PDB file of N, CA and C in Angstrom:
ATOM      1  N   UNK A   1       3.436  77.696  69.342  1.00  0.00           N
ATOM      2  CA  UNK A   1       3.677  78.832  70.237  1.00  0.00           C
ATOM      3  C   UNK A   1       1.955  79.492  70.255  1.00  0.00           C
ATOM      4  N   UNK A   2       1.996  79.469  71.103  1.00  0.00           N
ATOM      5  CA  UNK A   2       0.189  79.980  70.805  1.00  0.00           C
ATOM      6  C   UNK A   2       0.944  81.552  70.513  1.00  0.00           C
ATOM      7  N   UNK A   3      -0.494  82.022  70.227  1.00  0.00           N
ATOM      8  CA  UNK A   3      -0.107  83.795  69.845  1.00  0.00           C
ATOM      9  C   UNK A   3      -0.305  84.548  70.991  1.00  0.00           C
ATOM     10  N   UNK A   4       0.680  85.741  70.962  1.00  0.00           N
ATOM     11  CA  UNK A   4      -0.141  86.522  72.138  1.00  0.00           C
ATOM     12  C   UNK A   4      -1.239  87.518  72.431  1.00  0.00           C
ATOM     13  N   UNK A   5      -1.688  86.859  71.400  1.00  0.00           N
ATOM     14  CA  UNK A   5      -3.200  87.452  71.608  1.00  0.00           C
ATOM     15  C   UNK A   5      -4.134  86.505  72.748  1.00  0.00           C
ATOM     16  N   UNK A   6      -5.005  87.031  73.594  1.00  0.00           N
ATOM     17  CA  UNK A   6      -5.382  86.781  74.552  1.00  0.00           C
ATOM     18  C   UNK A   6      -7.071  86.354  74.008  1.00  0.00           C
ATOM     19  N   UNK A   7      -7.600  87.121  73.544  1.00  0.00           N
ATOM     20  CA  UNK A   7      -9.349  86.760  72.621  1.00  0.00           C
ATOM     21  C   UNK A   7     -10.070  87.183  73.946  1.00  0.00           C
ATOM     22  N   UNK A   8     -10.074  87.167  74.911  1.00  0.00           N
ATOM     23  CA  UNK A   8     -10.758  86.995  75.955  1.00  0.00           C
ATOM     24  C   UNK A   8     -11.674  87.814  76.146  1.00  0.00           C
ATOM     25  N   UNK A   9     -11.185  89.329  75.471  1.00  0.00           N
ATOM     26  CA  UNK A   9     -12.426  90.405  75.831  1.00  0.00           C
ATOM     27  C   UNK A   9     -12.677  91.060  73.971  1.00  0.00           C
ATOM     28  N   UNK A  10     -12.928  89.971  73.219  1.00  0.00           N
ATOM     29  CA  UNK A  10     -12.900  90.407  71.896  1.00  0.00           C
ATOM     30  C   UNK A  10     -11.769  90.914  71.149  1.00  0.00           C
ATOM     31  N   UNK A  11     -11.778  91.489  70.047  1.00  0.00           N
ATOM     32  CA  UNK A  11     -10.662  91.323  69.096  1.00  0.00           C
ATOM     33  C   UNK A  11      -9.648  92.074  70.078  1.00  0.00           C
ATOM     34  N   UNK A  12      -8.720  92.123  69.846  1.00  0.00           N
ATOM     35  CA  UNK A  12      -7.108  92.639  69.980  1.00  0.00           C
ATOM     36  C   UNK A  12      -6.469  93.516  69.116  1.00  0.00           C
ATOM     37  N   UNK A  13      -5.633  94.577  69.750  1.00  0.00           N
ATOM     38  CA  UNK A  13      -5.097  95.417  68.612  1.00  0.00           C
ATOM     39  C   UNK A  13      -3.893  94.796  67.930  1.00  0.00           C
ATOM     40  N   UNK A  14      -3.819  94.994  66.864  1.00  0.00           N
ATOM     41  CA  UNK A  14      -2.714  94.122  65.988  1.00  0.00           C
ATOM     42  C   UNK A  14      -2.070  94.960  65.729  1.00  0.00           C
ATOM     43  N   UNK A  15      -0.979  94.975  65.599  1.00  0.00           N
ATOM     44  CA  UNK A  15       0.410  95.805  65.258  1.00  0.00           C
ATOM     45  C   UNK A  15       0.931  96.285  63.906  1.00  0.00           C
ATOM     46  N   UNK A  16       1.102  97.139  63.506  1.00  0.00           N
ATOM     47  CA  UNK A  16       1.465  97.673  62.062  1.00  0.00           C
ATOM     48  C   UNK A  16       2.336  96.383  61.186  1.00  0.00           C
ATOM     49  N   UNK A  17       2.863  95.763  62.033  1.00  0.00           N
ATOM     50  CA  UNK A  17       4.191  94.626  61.089  1.00  0.00           C
ATOM     51  C   UNK A  17       2.926  93.818  60.257  1.00  0.00           C
ATOM     52  N   UNK A  18       2.207  93.483  61.125  1.00  0.00           N
ATOM     53  CA  UNK A  18       0.982  92.237  60.681  1.00  0.00           C
ATOM     54  C   UNK A  18      -0.402  93.388  60.046  1.00  0.00           C
ATOM     55  N   UNK A  19      -0.609  93.737  59.592  1.00  0.00           N
ATOM     56  CA  UNK A  19      -1.277  94.741  59.084  1.00  0.00           C
ATOM     57  C   UNK A  19      -0.510  94.610  57.619  1.00  0.00           C
ATOM     58  N   UNK A  20       0.983  94.747  57.410  1.00  0.00           N
ATOM     59  CA  UNK A  20       1.665  94.593  56.218  1.00  0.00           C
ATOM     60  C   UNK A  20       1.026  93.474  55.921  1.00  0.00           C
ATOM     61  N   UNK A  21       1.917  92.096  56.671  1.00  0.00           N
ATOM     62  CA  UNK A  21       1.359  91.142  56.024  1.00  0.00           C
ATOM     63  C   UNK A  21       0.459  90.230  55.853  1.00  0.00           C
ATOM     64  N   UNK A  22      -1.130  91.299  56.147  1.00  0.00           N
ATOM     65  CA  UNK A  22      -1.975  91.101  55.688  1.00  0.00           C
ATOM     66  C   UNK A  22      -2.169  91.624  54.244  1.00  0.00           C
ATOM     67  N   UNK A  23      -1.888  92.836  54.144  1.00  0.00           N
ATOM     68  CA  UNK A  23      -1.480  93.638  53.146  1.00  0.00           C
ATOM     69  C   UNK A  23      -1.136  92.294  51.792  1.00  0.00           C
ATOM     70  N   UNK A  24       0.247  91.806  52.160  1.00  0.00           N
ATOM     71  CA  UNK A  24       0.242  91.097  51.274  1.00  0.00           C
ATOM     72  C   UNK A  24      -0.144  89.790  50.989  1.00  0.00           C
ATOM     73  N   UNK A  25      -0.810  89.311  51.813  1.00  0.00           N
ATOM     74  CA  UNK A  25      -1.615  87.929  51.757  1.00  0.00           C
ATOM     75  C   UNK A  25      -3.166  88.414  50.821  1.00  0.00           C
ATOM     76  N   UNK A  26      -3.532  89.855  50.637  1.00  0.00           N
ATOM     77  CA  UNK A  26      -4.626  90.393  49.846  1.00  0.00           C
ATOM     78  C   UNK A  26      -3.723  90.087  48.073  1.00  0.00           C
ATOM     79  N   UNK A  27      -2.972  90.587  48.766  1.00  0.00           N
ATOM     80  CA  UNK A  27      -2.792  91.338  46.713  1.00  0.00           C
ATOM     81  C   UNK A  27      -1.848  89.158  46.553  1.00  0.00           C
ATOM     82  N   UNK A  28      -1.394  88.358  47.260  1.00  0.00           N
ATOM     83  CA  UNK A  28      -0.586  87.362  46.567  1.00  0.00           C
ATOM     84  C   UNK A  28      -2.190  86.395  46.561  1.00  0.00           C
ATOM     85  N   UNK A  29      -3.042  86.373  47.332  1.00  0.00           N
ATOM     86  CA  UNK A  29      -4.151  85.809  46.943  1.00  0.00           C
ATOM     87  C   UNK A  29      -5.093  86.071  45.534  1.00  0.00           C
ATOM     88  N   UNK A  30      -5.228  87.281  45.588  1.00  0.00           N
ATOM     89  CA  UNK A  30      -5.151  87.965  43.994  1.00  0.00           C
ATOM     90  C   UNK A  30      -5.011  87.401  43.163  1.00  0.00           C
ATOM     91  N   UNK A  31      -3.624  87.818  43.431  1.00  0.00           N
ATOM     92  CA  UNK A  31      -2.646  86.820  41.933  1.00  0.00           C
ATOM     93  C   UNK A  31      -2.700  85.255  42.003  1.00  0.00           C
ATOM     94  N   UNK A  32      -2.606  84.521  42.908  1.00  0.00           N
ATOM     95  CA  UNK A  32      -2.760  83.248  42.995  1.00  0.00           C
ATOM     96  C   UNK A  32      -3.967  82.460  41.991  1.00  0.00           C
ATOM     97  N   UNK A  33      -5.539  83.458  42.604  1.00  0.00           N
ATOM     98  CA  UNK A  33      -6.588  82.840  41.951  1.00  0.00           C
ATOM     99  C   UNK A  33      -6.318  83.215  40.264  1.00  0.00           C
ATOM    100  N   UNK A  34      -5.792  84.419  39.953  1.00  0.00           N
ATOM    101  CA  UNK A  34      -5.720  84.563  38.751  1.00  0.00           C
ATOM    102  C   UNK A  34      -5.314  83.495  37.798  1.00  0.00           C
ATOM    103  N   UNK A  35      -4.100  83.891  38.636  1.00  0.00           N
ATOM    104  CA  UNK A  35      -2.785  82.575  38.078  1.00  0.00           C
ATOM    105  C   UNK A  35      -3.527  81.011  37.538  1.00  0.00           C
ATOM    106  N   UNK A  36      -4.040  80.767  39.283  1.00  0.00           N
ATOM    107  CA  UNK A  36      -4.670  79.235  38.534  1.00  0.00           C
ATOM    108  C   UNK A  36      -5.613  78.806  38.110  1.00  0.00           C
ATOM    109  N   UNK A  37      -6.901  79.787  37.682  1.00  0.00           N
ATOM    110  CA  UNK A  37      -7.789  79.897  36.732  1.00  0.00           C
ATOM    111  C   UNK A  37      -7.475  80.502  35.654  1.00  0.00           C
ATOM    112  N   UNK A  38      -7.006  81.564  35.917  1.00  0.00           N
ATOM    113  CA  UNK A  38      -6.695  82.220  34.440  1.00  0.00           C
ATOM    114  C   UNK A  38      -7.777  82.436  33.566  1.00  0.00           C
ATOM    115  N   UNK A  39      -7.350  82.050  31.857  1.00  0.00           N
ATOM    116  CA  UNK A  39      -8.359  82.399  31.086  1.00  0.00           C
ATOM    117  C   UNK A  39      -9.004  80.928  30.615  1.00  0.00           C
ATOM    118  N   UNK A  40      -8.484  79.648  31.208  1.00  0.00           N
ATOM    119  CA  UNK A  40      -8.977  77.828  30.927  1.00  0.00           C
ATOM    120  C   UNK A  40     -10.588  78.420  31.389  1.00  0.00           C
ATOM    121  N   UNK A  41     -10.817  77.811  30.005  1.00  0.00           N
ATOM    122  CA  UNK A  41     -12.717  77.039  29.871  1.00  0.00           C
ATOM    123  C   UNK A  41     -12.874  76.146  30.728  1.00  0.00           C
ATOM    124  N   UNK A  42     -13.875  76.912  31.374  1.00  0.00           N
ATOM    125  CA  UNK A  42     -14.169  75.320  32.834  1.00  0.00           C
ATOM    126  C   UNK A  42     -15.341  75.743  33.494  1.00  0.00           C
ATOM    127  N   UNK A  43     -15.756  75.133  33.878  1.00  0.00           N
ATOM    128  CA  UNK A  43     -17.544  75.203  34.228  1.00  0.00           C
ATOM    129  C   UNK A  43     -17.169  76.299  36.069  1.00  0.00           C
ATOM    130  N   UNK A  44     -16.436  75.120  36.774  1.00  0.00           N
ATOM    131  CA  UNK A  44     -15.967  75.180  38.186  1.00  0.00           C
ATOM    132  C   UNK A  44     -14.472  75.091  37.901  1.00  0.00           C
ATOM    133  N   UNK A  45     -14.148  75.403  39.389  1.00  0.00           N
ATOM    134  CA  UNK A  45     -12.525  75.153  39.919  1.00  0.00           C
ATOM    135  C   UNK A  45     -12.875  74.887  41.340  1.00  0.00           C
ATOM    136  N   UNK A  46     -12.349  73.889  41.633  1.00  0.00           N
ATOM    137  CA  UNK A  46     -12.143  73.518  43.151  1.00  0.00           C
ATOM    138  C   UNK A  46     -11.054  73.698  43.902  1.00  0.00           C
ATOM    139  N   UNK A  47     -10.585  74.061  45.011  1.00  0.00           N
ATOM    140  CA  UNK A  47      -9.964  74.513  45.708  1.00  0.00           C
ATOM    141  C   UNK A  47      -9.508  74.304  46.787  1.00  0.00           C
ATOM    142  N   UNK A  48      -8.785  73.924  47.581  1.00  0.00           N
ATOM    143  CA  UNK A  48      -8.769  73.724  49.321  1.00  0.00           C
ATOM    144  C   UNK A  48      -7.845  75.218  49.972  1.00  0.00           C
ATOM    145  N   UNK A  49      -7.979  75.673  51.095  1.00  0.00           N
ATOM    146  CA  UNK A  49      -7.347  76.657  51.302  1.00  0.00           C
ATOM    147  C   UNK A  49      -7.329  76.487  52.754  1.00  0.00           C
ATOM    148  N   UNK A  50      -6.185  76.282  53.432  1.00  0.00           N
ATOM    149  CA  UNK A  50      -5.866  76.129  54.658  1.00  0.00           C
ATOM    150  C   UNK A  50      -5.071  77.340  55.395  1.00  0.00           C
ATOM    151  N   UNK A  51      -5.631  77.986  56.691  1.00  0.00           N
ATOM    152  CA  UNK A  51      -4.648  79.282  57.310  1.00  0.00           C
ATOM    153  C   UNK A  51      -4.645  78.469  58.598  1.00  0.00           C
ATOM    154  N   UNK A  52      -3.138  78.610  58.635  1.00  0.00           N
ATOM    155  CA  UNK A  52      -2.861  77.315  59.970  1.00  0.00           C
ATOM    156  C   UNK A  52      -2.392  78.126  61.399  1.00  0.00           C
ATOM    157  N   UNK A  53      -3.093  79.600  61.247  1.00  0.00           N
ATOM    158  CA  UNK A  53      -2.768  80.056  62.338  1.00  0.00           C
ATOM    159  C   UNK A  53      -3.733  81.376  62.165  1.00  0.00           C
ATOM    160  N   UNK A  54      -4.943  81.005  62.752  1.00  0.00           N
ATOM    161  CA  UNK A  54      -5.986  81.979  61.841  1.00  0.00           C
ATOM    162  C   UNK A  54      -6.667  83.121  62.810  1.00  0.00           C
ATOM    163  N   UNK A  55      -6.372  82.433  63.877  1.00  0.00           N
ATOM    164  CA  UNK A  55      -6.606  83.979  65.132  1.00  0.00           C
ATOM    165  C   UNK A  55      -7.983  84.332  65.532  1.00  0.00           C
ATOM    166  N   UNK A  56      -8.848  85.037  65.840  1.00  0.00           N
ATOM    167  CA  UNK A  56      -9.787  84.959  66.311  1.00  0.00           C
ATOM    168  C   UNK A  56     -10.354  86.212  65.152  1.00  0.00           C
ATOM    169  N   UNK A  57      -9.800  86.215  63.908  1.00  0.00           N
ATOM    170  CA  UNK A  57     -10.522  86.789  62.379  1.00  0.00           C
ATOM    171  C   UNK A  57     -10.828  88.927  62.550  1.00  0.00           C
ATOM    172  N   UNK A  58     -10.407  89.190  63.506  1.00  0.00           N
ATOM    173  CA  UNK A  58     -11.192  90.362  63.757  1.00  0.00           C
ATOM    174  C   UNK A  58      -9.668  91.400  64.472  1.00  0.00           C
ATOM    175  N   UNK A  59      -9.672  92.189  64.424  1.00  0.00           N
ATOM    176  CA  UNK A  59      -8.677  92.864  65.127  1.00  0.00           C
ATOM    177  C   UNK A  59      -8.618  94.299  65.112  1.00  0.00           C
ATOM    178  N   UNK A  60      -8.207  95.156  66.068  1.00  0.00           N
ATOM    179  CA  UNK A  60      -8.381  96.484  66.506  1.00  0.00           C
ATOM    180  C   UNK A  60      -6.750  97.343  65.967  1.00  0.00           C
ATOM    181  N   UNK A  61      -6.832  97.661  64.981  1.00  0.00           N
ATOM    182  CA  UNK A  61      -5.868  98.563  64.345  1.00  0.00           C
ATOM    183  C   UNK A  61      -4.856  99.076  65.272  1.00  0.00           C
ATOM    184  N   UNK A  62      -3.704  98.840  65.497  1.00  0.00           N
ATOM    185  CA  UNK A  62      -2.725  99.506  66.643  1.00  0.00           C
ATOM    186  C   UNK A  62      -2.980 100.870  66.766  1.00  0.00           C
ATOM    187  N   UNK A  63      -2.988 101.331  65.310  1.00  0.00           N
ATOM    188  CA  UNK A  63      -2.750 102.966  65.609  1.00  0.00           C
ATOM    189  C   UNK A  63      -4.170 103.435  65.668  1.00  0.00           C
ATOM    190  N   UNK A  64      -4.979 103.433  64.956  1.00  0.00           N
ATOM    191  CA  UNK A  64      -6.240 103.542  63.935  1.00  0.00           C
ATOM    192  C   UNK A  64      -7.301 103.246  65.303  1.00  0.00           C
ATOM    193  N   UNK A  65      -7.098 102.362  66.326  1.00  0.00           N
ATOM    194  CA  UNK A  65      -8.239 101.100  66.864  1.00  0.00           C
ATOM    195  C   UNK A  65      -9.413 101.143  65.523  1.00  0.00           C
ATOM    196  N   UNK A  66      -9.344 101.284  64.047  1.00  0.00           N
ATOM    197  CA  UNK A  66      -9.864 100.755  63.729  1.00  0.00           C
ATOM    198  C   UNK A  66     -10.181  99.238  63.522  1.00  0.00           C
ATOM    199  N   UNK A  67     -11.632  98.768  63.159  1.00  0.00           N
ATOM    200  CA  UNK A  67     -11.987  96.897  63.312  1.00  0.00           C
ATOM    201  C   UNK A  67     -11.534  96.646  61.721  1.00  0.00           C
ATOM    202  N   UNK A  68     -10.213  95.814  61.738  1.00  0.00           N
ATOM    203  CA  UNK A  68      -9.718  95.188  60.878  1.00  0.00           C
ATOM    204  C   UNK A  68      -9.910  93.873  60.440  1.00  0.00           C
ATOM    205  N   UNK A  69      -9.728  92.842  59.343  1.00  0.00           N
ATOM    206  CA  UNK A  69     -10.301  92.017  58.864  1.00  0.00           C
ATOM    207  C   UNK A  69      -9.163  90.821  58.824  1.00  0.00           C
ATOM    208  N   UNK A  70      -8.836  89.709  59.629  1.00  0.00           N
ATOM    209  CA  UNK A  70      -8.036  88.961  59.992  1.00  0.00           C
ATOM    210  C   UNK A  70      -8.033  88.036  58.918  1.00  0.00           C
ATOM    211  N   UNK A  71      -6.789  87.224  58.780  1.00  0.00           N
ATOM    212  CA  UNK A  71      -6.775  86.688  57.530  1.00  0.00           C
ATOM    213  C   UNK A  71      -8.074  85.901  57.284  1.00  0.00           C
ATOM    214  N   UNK A  72      -8.453  85.030  58.433  1.00  0.00           N
ATOM    215  CA  UNK A  72      -9.691  83.986  57.693  1.00  0.00           C
ATOM    216  C   UNK A  72     -10.698  84.857  56.340  1.00  0.00           C
ATOM    217  N   UNK A  73     -11.200  86.208  56.967  1.00  0.00           N
ATOM    218  CA  UNK A  73     -11.882  87.002  56.479  1.00  0.00           C
ATOM    219  C   UNK A  73     -11.451  87.256  55.186  1.00  0.00           C
ATOM    220  N   UNK A  74      -9.738  87.599  54.996  1.00  0.00           N
ATOM    221  CA  UNK A  74      -8.914  88.177  53.805  1.00  0.00           C
ATOM    222  C   UNK A  74      -9.000  86.813  52.805  1.00  0.00           C
ATOM    223  N   UNK A  75      -9.094  85.694  53.178  1.00  0.00           N
ATOM    224  CA  UNK A  75      -9.070  84.780  52.211  1.00  0.00           C
ATOM    225  C   UNK A  75     -10.933  84.652  51.884  1.00  0.00           C
ATOM    226  N   UNK A  76     -11.608  85.163  52.175  1.00  0.00           N
ATOM    227  CA  UNK A  76     -13.121  84.803  51.917  1.00  0.00           C
ATOM    228  C   UNK A  76     -13.525  85.493  50.858  1.00  0.00           C
ATOM    229  N   UNK A  77     -12.989  87.040  51.427  1.00  0.00           N
ATOM    230  CA  UNK A  77     -12.946  88.212  51.133  1.00  0.00           C
ATOM    231  C   UNK A  77     -12.228  88.521  49.240  1.00  0.00           C
ATOM    232  N   UNK A  78     -11.241  88.182  49.303  1.00  0.00           N
ATOM    233  CA  UNK A  78     -10.342  88.095  48.148  1.00  0.00           C
ATOM    234  C   UNK A  78     -11.016  86.496  47.453  1.00  0.00           C
ATOM    235  N   UNK A  79     -12.066  85.653  47.686  1.00  0.00           N
ATOM    236  CA  UNK A  79     -12.263  84.370  47.072  1.00  0.00           C
ATOM    237  C   UNK A  79     -13.714  85.355  46.144  1.00  0.00           C
ATOM    238  N   UNK A  80     -14.449  85.799  46.959  1.00  0.00           N
ATOM    239  CA  UNK A  80     -15.415  86.966  46.224  1.00  0.00           C
ATOM    240  C   UNK A  80     -14.809  87.767  45.157  1.00  0.00           C
ATOM    241  N   UNK A  81     -13.792  88.478  45.792  1.00  0.00           N
ATOM    242  CA  UNK A  81     -13.218  89.363  44.604  1.00  0.00           C
ATOM    243  C   UNK A  81     -12.701  88.715  43.033  1.00  0.00           C
ATOM    244  N   UNK A  82     -12.072  87.968  43.421  1.00  0.00           N
ATOM    245  CA  UNK A  82     -11.382  87.116  42.181  1.00  0.00           C
ATOM    246  C   UNK A  82     -12.507  86.242  41.481  1.00  0.00           C
ATOM    247  N   UNK A  83     -13.518  85.906  41.937  1.00  0.00           N
ATOM    248  CA  UNK A  83     -14.343  85.255  41.372  1.00  0.00           C
ATOM    249  C   UNK A  83     -14.712  86.211  40.248  1.00  0.00           C
ATOM    250  N   UNK A  84     -15.236  87.314  40.791  1.00  0.00           N
ATOM    251  CA  UNK A  84     -15.739  88.817  40.235  1.00  0.00           C
ATOM    252  C   UNK A  84     -15.083  89.204  38.705  1.00  0.00           C
ATOM    253  N   UNK A  85     -13.541  89.468  39.365  1.00  0.00           N
ATOM    254  CA  UNK A  85     -13.029  90.011  38.190  1.00  0.00           C
ATOM    255  C   UNK A  85     -12.341  88.374  37.137  1.00  0.00           C
ATOM    256  N   UNK A  86     -12.111  87.576  37.856  1.00  0.00           N
ATOM    257  CA  UNK A  86     -11.892  86.031  36.720  1.00  0.00           C
ATOM    258  C   UNK A  86     -13.302  86.352  35.697  1.00  0.00           C
ATOM    259  N   UNK A  87     -14.674  86.472  36.099  1.00  0.00           N
ATOM    260  CA  UNK A  87     -15.788  86.397  35.005  1.00  0.00           C
ATOM    261  C   UNK A  87     -16.085  87.157  34.057  1.00  0.00           C
ATOM    262  N   UNK A  88     -15.049  88.088  34.421  1.00  0.00           N
ATOM    263  CA  UNK A  88     -15.208  89.840  33.459  1.00  0.00           C
ATOM    264  C   UNK A  88     -14.632  89.638  32.599  1.00  0.00           C
ATOM    265  N   UNK A  89     -15.580  89.480  31.296  1.00  0.00           N
ATOM    266  CA  UNK A  89     -15.319  89.286  29.984  1.00  0.00           C
ATOM    267  C   UNK A  89     -15.614  87.447  29.393  1.00  0.00           C
ATOM    268  N   UNK A  90     -15.453  86.631  30.465  1.00  0.00           N
ATOM    269  CA  UNK A  90     -16.033  85.660  29.622  1.00  0.00           C
ATOM    270  C   UNK A  90     -17.356  85.610  29.042  1.00  0.00           C
ATOM    271  N   UNK A  91     -17.867  84.703  28.397  1.00  0.00           N
ATOM    272  CA  UNK A  91     -19.453  84.274  28.343  1.00  0.00           C
ATOM    273  C   UNK A  91     -19.387  82.866  28.921  1.00  0.00           C
ATOM    274  N   UNK A  92     -19.189  82.455  29.627  1.00  0.00           N
ATOM    275  CA  UNK A  92     -19.628  81.361  30.683  1.00  0.00           C
ATOM    276  C   UNK A  92     -18.952  81.522  31.876  1.00  0.00           C
ATOM    277  N   UNK A  93     -19.539  81.636  32.806  1.00  0.00           N
ATOM    278  CA  UNK A  93     -18.755  82.151  33.908  1.00  0.00           C
ATOM    279  C   UNK A  93     -18.363  80.672  34.599  1.00  0.00           C
ATOM    280  N   UNK A  94     -16.760  81.030  35.460  1.00  0.00           N
ATOM    281  CA  UNK A  94     -16.259  80.161  36.186  1.00  0.00           C
ATOM    282  C   UNK A  94     -17.062  80.355  37.632  1.00  0.00           C
ATOM    283  N   UNK A  95     -17.166  78.668  38.090  1.00  0.00           N
ATOM    284  CA  UNK A  95     -17.493  79.141  39.824  1.00  0.00           C
ATOM    285  C   UNK A  95     -16.451  78.569  40.582  1.00  0.00           C
ATOM    286  N   UNK A  96     -16.142  79.475  41.713  1.00  0.00           N
ATOM    287  CA  UNK A  96     -15.239  79.085  42.497  1.00  0.00           C
ATOM    288  C   UNK A  96     -15.889  77.992  42.919  1.00  0.00           C
ATOM    289  N   UNK A  97     -15.155  76.851  43.906  1.00  0.00           N
ATOM    290  CA  UNK A  97     -15.830  76.438  44.194  1.00  0.00           C
ATOM    291  C   UNK A  97     -14.295  75.850  45.457  1.00  0.00           C
ATOM    292  N   UNK A  98     -14.705  76.730  46.400  1.00  0.00           N
ATOM    293  CA  UNK A  98     -13.264  76.653  47.740  1.00  0.00           C
ATOM    294  C   UNK A  98     -13.963  76.069  49.262  1.00  0.00           C
ATOM    295  N   UNK A  99     -12.712  75.382  49.488  1.00  0.00           N
ATOM    296  CA  UNK A  99     -13.012  74.549  50.423  1.00  0.00           C
ATOM    297  C   UNK A  99     -12.376  75.226  51.657  1.00  0.00           C
ATOM    298  N   UNK A 100     -12.445  75.809  52.960  1.00  0.00           N
ATOM    299  CA  UNK A 100     -11.507  76.673  53.399  1.00  0.00           C
ATOM    300  C   UNK A 100     -11.339  75.738  54.860  1.00  0.00           C
ATOM    301  N   UNK A 101     -10.277  76.032  55.511  1.00  0.00           N
ATOM    302  CA  UNK A 101      -9.839  75.029  56.967  1.00  0.00           C
ATOM    303  C   UNK A 101      -8.967  76.271  57.779  1.00  0.00           C
ATOM    304  N   UNK A 102      -9.793  76.363  58.691  1.00  0.00           N
ATOM    305  CA  UNK A 102      -9.193  77.998  59.824  1.00  0.00           C
ATOM    306  C   UNK A 102      -8.341  76.773  60.779  1.00  0.00           C
ATOM    307  N   UNK A 103      -7.787  77.276  60.913  1.00  0.00           N
ATOM    308  CA  UNK A 103      -7.122  76.468  61.853  1.00  0.00           C
ATOM    309  C   UNK A 103      -6.742  77.338  63.034  1.00  0.00           C
ATOM    310  N   UNK A 104      -7.089  77.059  64.453  1.00  0.00           N
ATOM    311  CA  UNK A 104      -6.401  78.313  65.661  1.00  0.00           C
ATOM    312  C   UNK A 104      -6.472  77.253  66.908  1.00  0.00           C
ATOM    313  N   UNK A 105      -4.953  77.367  67.194  1.00  0.00           N
ATOM    314  CA  UNK A 105      -4.877  76.526  68.791  1.00  0.00           C
ATOM    315  C   UNK A 105      -5.340  77.249  69.788  1.00  0.00           C
ATOM    316  N   UNK A 106      -5.484  78.491  69.793  1.00  0.00           N
ATOM    317  CA  UNK A 106      -6.154  79.178  71.013  1.00  0.00           C
ATOM    318  C   UNK A 106      -7.301  78.737  71.340  1.00  0.00           C
ATOM    319  N   UNK A 107      -7.770  78.919  72.063  1.00  0.00           N
ATOM    320  CA  UNK A 107      -9.755  78.705  72.808  1.00  0.00           C
ATOM    321  C   UNK A 107      -9.918  79.344  72.349  1.00  0.00           C
ATOM    322  N   UNK A 108      -9.659  80.973  73.008  1.00  0.00           N
ATOM    323  CA  UNK A 108     -10.617  82.187  72.851  1.00  0.00           C
ATOM    324  C   UNK A 108     -10.264  82.411  71.871  1.00  0.00           C
ATOM    325  N   UNK A 109      -9.157  82.262  70.999  1.00  0.00           N
ATOM    326  CA  UNK A 109      -9.673  82.804  69.671  1.00  0.00           C
ATOM    327  C   UNK A 109     -10.514  82.463  68.704  1.00  0.00           C
ATOM    328  N   UNK A 110     -10.267  80.902  68.645  1.00  0.00           N
ATOM    329  CA  UNK A 110     -11.045  79.880  68.171  1.00  0.00           C
ATOM    330  C   UNK A 110     -12.206  80.477  68.719  1.00  0.00           C
ATOM    331  N   UNK A 111     -12.819  80.387  69.493  1.00  0.00           N
ATOM    332  CA  UNK A 111     -14.795  81.218  70.239  1.00  0.00           C
ATOM    333  C   UNK A 111     -14.555  82.503  69.435  1.00  0.00           C
ATOM    334  N   UNK A 112     -13.794  83.108  69.399  1.00  0.00           N
ATOM    335  CA  UNK A 112     -14.494  84.363  68.770  1.00  0.00           C
ATOM    336  C   UNK A 112     -14.461  84.145  67.454  1.00  0.00           C
ATOM    337  N   UNK A 113     -13.634  83.399  66.688  1.00  0.00           N
ATOM    338  CA  UNK A 113     -13.409  83.532  65.272  1.00  0.00           C
ATOM    339  C   UNK A 113     -14.710  83.053  64.906  1.00  0.00           C
ATOM    340  N   UNK A 114     -15.466  81.957  65.790  1.00  0.00           N
ATOM    341  CA  UNK A 114     -16.457  81.010  65.650  1.00  0.00           C
ATOM    342  C   UNK A 114     -17.869  81.901  65.487  1.00  0.00           C
ATOM    343  N   UNK A 115     -17.877  83.061  66.654  1.00  0.00           N
ATOM    344  CA  UNK A 115     -18.593  84.326  66.645  1.00  0.00           C
ATOM    345  C   UNK A 115     -18.915  84.729  65.330  1.00  0.00           C
ATOM    346  N   UNK A 116     -17.495  84.859  64.362  1.00  0.00           N
ATOM    347  CA  UNK A 116     -17.989  86.043  63.087  1.00  0.00           C
ATOM    348  C   UNK A 116     -18.696  84.975  62.412  1.00  0.00           C
TER     349      UNK A 116
END
């Protein structure tokens, strides 16, 4: 099933329930990275993340019309924040080596994501 969004004219309006879903994703990724890496002594941690419904990457909030990040950018931001937090208090920092695959079936959404 293709998305309800067309992406022909740029970012689409994102409904409140999707905003809530993105907040859950942010919280989950933060805890996920902390759990995987934890206090283990290592130089590098390799991981592959797949977003099977990437969308166009950016949306306008349905209520505020504010530009908000979609799941691909939530993944990328969570990775940066996790690396910072994981390395707090470590004498030797660990580097997160994360490969990303952002999958999107909709041509217009895919093209919009590629512009970001």
